Amino acid sequence: MRPSEFNDGKYANGLLCQLPYPTDDTRLIIAAAQEGIKRL
């Protein structure tokens, strides 16, 4: 991989985690975030 020529050598990666339904349960949010981190 190489960083963008227009980004001063900085690299950033992002991911959206979609939950099956709206929730404020932090256990579900953390589990989804951990799965996303594994895919990065």
Protein backbone atom coordinates (compact mmCIF):
# COMPACT_ATOMS: atom_id res chain seq x y z
CA MET A 1 0.00 0.00 0.00
CA ARG A 2 1.07 3.50 -0.52
CA PRO A 3 -0.41 6.73 0.85
CA SER A 4 -2.11 9.30 -1.30
CA GLU A 5 0.18 11.77 -3.05
CA PHE A 6 -2.10 14.57 -1.85
CA ASN A 7 -2.15 13.60 1.82
CA ASP A 8 1.41 14.49 2.93
CA GLY A 9 2.32 10.83 3.47
CA LYS A 10 -0.42 10.16 5.98
CA TYR A 11 -2.45 6.97 5.81
CA ALA A 12 -5.92 6.51 7.24
CA ASN A 13 -8.22 3.53 6.96
CA GLY A 14 -11.89 3.49 7.85
CA LEU A 15 -14.78 1.10 8.11
CA LEU A 16 -18.52 1.30 8.66
CA CYS A 17 -20.09 -1.31 10.90
CA GLN A 18 -23.77 -1.82 10.28
CA LEU A 19 -25.84 -3.15 13.14
CA PRO A 20 -28.99 -5.20 12.48
CA TYR A 21 -31.13 -2.68 14.42
CA PRO A 22 -30.67 0.60 16.30
CA THR A 23 -29.25 0.01 19.77
CA ASP A 24 -27.64 1.75 22.70
CA ASP A 25 -26.29 -1.55 24.05
CA THR A 26 -22.56 -0.97 24.29
CA ARG A 27 -21.91 -4.74 24.27
CA LEU A 28 -23.33 -4.98 20.73
CA ILE A 29 -21.56 -1.83 19.59
CA ILE A 30 -18.20 -3.03 20.94
CA ALA A 31 -18.67 -6.49 19.38
CA ALA A 32 -19.39 -4.89 15.98
CA ALA A 33 -16.36 -2.60 16.34
CA GLN A 34 -14.10 -5.53 17.21
CA GLU A 35 -15.29 -7.45 14.14
CA GLY A 36 -14.57 -4.38 12.02
CA ILE A 37 -11.06 -4.05 13.43
CA LYS A 38 -10.35 -7.67 12.47
CA ARG A 39 -11.25 -6.82 8.85
CA LEU A 40 -8.87 -3.86 8.60
